[in-house]
Amino acid sequence: MARQLHAEGRLVSALGRPLPVILYDLSDPDETFALTRAANPPELVAEFLSEDPQGQSGPLTRT
């Protein structure tokens, strides 16, 4: 859903500028980077993802 909100420009419309959506899975904290990568355009999360201890957390998919 976050990816769709980015694509449709709704986040920029509501918040006034592009902001990343950071997703956190309480049952699997290591999944945070993969979830966040899938939910956002790469340019919005590059800095956040640079902290991923596993490197790339799965492929970046565009939907």
C-alpha atoms as a PDB file:
ATOM      1  CA  MET A   1       0.000   0.000   0.000  1.00  0.00           C
ATOM      2  CA  ALA A   2       2.820   2.450   0.801  1.00  0.00           C
ATOM      3  CA  ARG A   3       4.330   1.891  -2.646  1.00  0.00           C
ATOM      4  CA  GLN A   4       0.956   2.723  -4.210  1.00  0.00           C
ATOM      5  CA  LEU A   5       0.611   5.888  -2.096  1.00  0.00           C
ATOM      6  CA  HIS A   6       4.044   6.989  -3.326  1.00  0.00           C
ATOM      7  CA  ALA A   7       3.187   6.181  -6.955  1.00  0.00           C
ATOM      8  CA  GLU A   8      -0.090   8.084  -6.819  1.00  0.00           C
ATOM      9  CA  GLY A   9       1.525  11.122  -5.178  1.00  0.00           C
ATOM     10  CA  ARG A  10      -0.778  10.907  -2.167  1.00  0.00           C
ATOM     11  CA  LEU A  11       2.011  11.084   0.416  1.00  0.00           C
ATOM     12  CA  VAL A  12       3.423  14.249  -1.145  1.00  0.00           C
ATOM     13  CA  SER A  13      -0.068  15.696  -1.386  1.00  0.00           C
ATOM     14  CA  ALA A  14      -0.839  14.968   2.267  1.00  0.00           C
ATOM     15  CA  LEU A  15       2.582  15.697   3.777  1.00  0.00           C
ATOM     16  CA  GLY A  16       3.930  18.352   1.419  1.00  0.00           C
ATOM     17  CA  ARG A  17       7.076  16.467   0.406  1.00  0.00           C
ATOM     18  CA  PRO A  18       8.200  12.923  -0.299  1.00  0.00           C
ATOM     19  CA  LEU A  19       8.897  11.028   2.902  1.00  0.00           C
ATOM     20  CA  PRO A  20       9.880   7.388   3.347  1.00  0.00           C
ATOM     21  CA  VAL A  21       7.565   4.904   5.011  1.00  0.00           C
ATOM     22  CA  ILE A  22       9.604   2.859   7.488  1.00  0.00           C
ATOM     23  CA  LEU A  23       8.000  -0.495   8.223  1.00  0.00           C
ATOM     24  CA  TYR A  24       8.886  -2.468  11.340  1.00  0.00           C
ATOM     25  CA  ASP A  25       7.820  -6.035  12.016  1.00  0.00           C
ATOM     26  CA  LEU A  26       7.738  -6.609  15.793  1.00  0.00           C
ATOM     27  CA  SER A  27       7.762 -10.379  15.358  1.00  0.00           C
ATOM     28  CA  ASP A  28      10.765 -10.265  12.972  1.00  0.00           C
ATOM     29  CA  PRO A  29      12.845  -7.069  13.404  1.00  0.00           C
ATOM     30  CA  ASP A  30      15.379  -8.273  10.820  1.00  0.00           C
ATOM     31  CA  GLU A  31      12.631  -7.980   8.191  1.00  0.00           C
ATOM     32  CA  THR A  32      12.503  -4.174   8.685  1.00  0.00           C
ATOM     33  CA  PHE A  33      14.963  -3.423   5.880  1.00  0.00           C
ATOM     34  CA  ALA A  34      13.303  -5.717   3.327  1.00  0.00           C
ATOM     35  CA  LEU A  35       9.833  -4.373   4.127  1.00  0.00           C
ATOM     36  CA  THR A  36      11.011  -0.764   3.959  1.00  0.00           C
ATOM     37  CA  ARG A  37      12.909  -1.400   0.710  1.00  0.00           C
ATOM     38  CA  ALA A  38       9.758  -2.833  -0.910  1.00  0.00           C
ATOM     39  CA  ALA A  39       7.526   0.032   0.264  1.00  0.00           C
ATOM     40  CA  ASN A  40       9.538   3.007  -0.987  1.00  0.00           C
ATOM     41  CA  PRO A  41      11.281   4.470  -4.010  1.00  0.00           C
ATOM     42  CA  PRO A  42      15.042   3.811  -3.657  1.00  0.00           C
ATOM     43  CA  GLU A  43      16.020   7.470  -3.401  1.00  0.00           C
ATOM     44  CA  LEU A  44      13.879   7.941  -0.289  1.00  0.00           C
ATOM     45  CA  VAL A  45      15.383   5.081   1.700  1.00  0.00           C
ATOM     46  CA  ALA A  46      18.998   4.906   0.527  1.00  0.00           C
ATOM     47  CA  GLU A  47      20.388   6.393   3.742  1.00  0.00           C
ATOM     48  CA  PHE A  48      18.186   4.211   5.967  1.00  0.00           C
ATOM     49  CA  LEU A  49      19.080   1.068   4.022  1.00  0.00           C
ATOM     50  CA  SER A  50      22.792   1.837   4.306  1.00  0.00           C
ATOM     51  CA  GLU A  51      22.438   0.764   7.956  1.00  0.00           C
ATOM     52  CA  ASP A  52      21.227  -2.736   6.994  1.00  0.00           C
ATOM     53  CA  PRO A  53      23.664  -5.139   8.724  1.00  0.00           C
ATOM     54  CA  GLN A  54      22.887  -7.806   6.093  1.00  0.00           C
ATOM     55  CA  GLY A  55      23.624  -5.519   3.152  1.00  0.00           C
ATOM     56  CA  GLN A  56      20.832  -5.732   0.605  1.00  0.00           C
ATOM     57  CA  SER A  57      17.725  -7.225   2.210  1.00  0.00           C
ATOM     58  CA  GLY A  58      16.281  -8.849  -0.820  1.00  0.00           C
ATOM     59  CA  PRO A  59      15.549  -7.415  -4.217  1.00  0.00           C
ATOM     60  CA  LEU A  60      14.038  -4.022  -4.723  1.00  0.00           C
ATOM     61  CA  THR A  61      10.748  -4.642  -6.449  1.00  0.00           C
ATOM     62  CA  ARG A  62       8.632  -2.050  -8.169  1.00  0.00           C
ATOM     63  CA  THR A  63       4.888  -2.626  -8.107  1.00  0.00           C
END
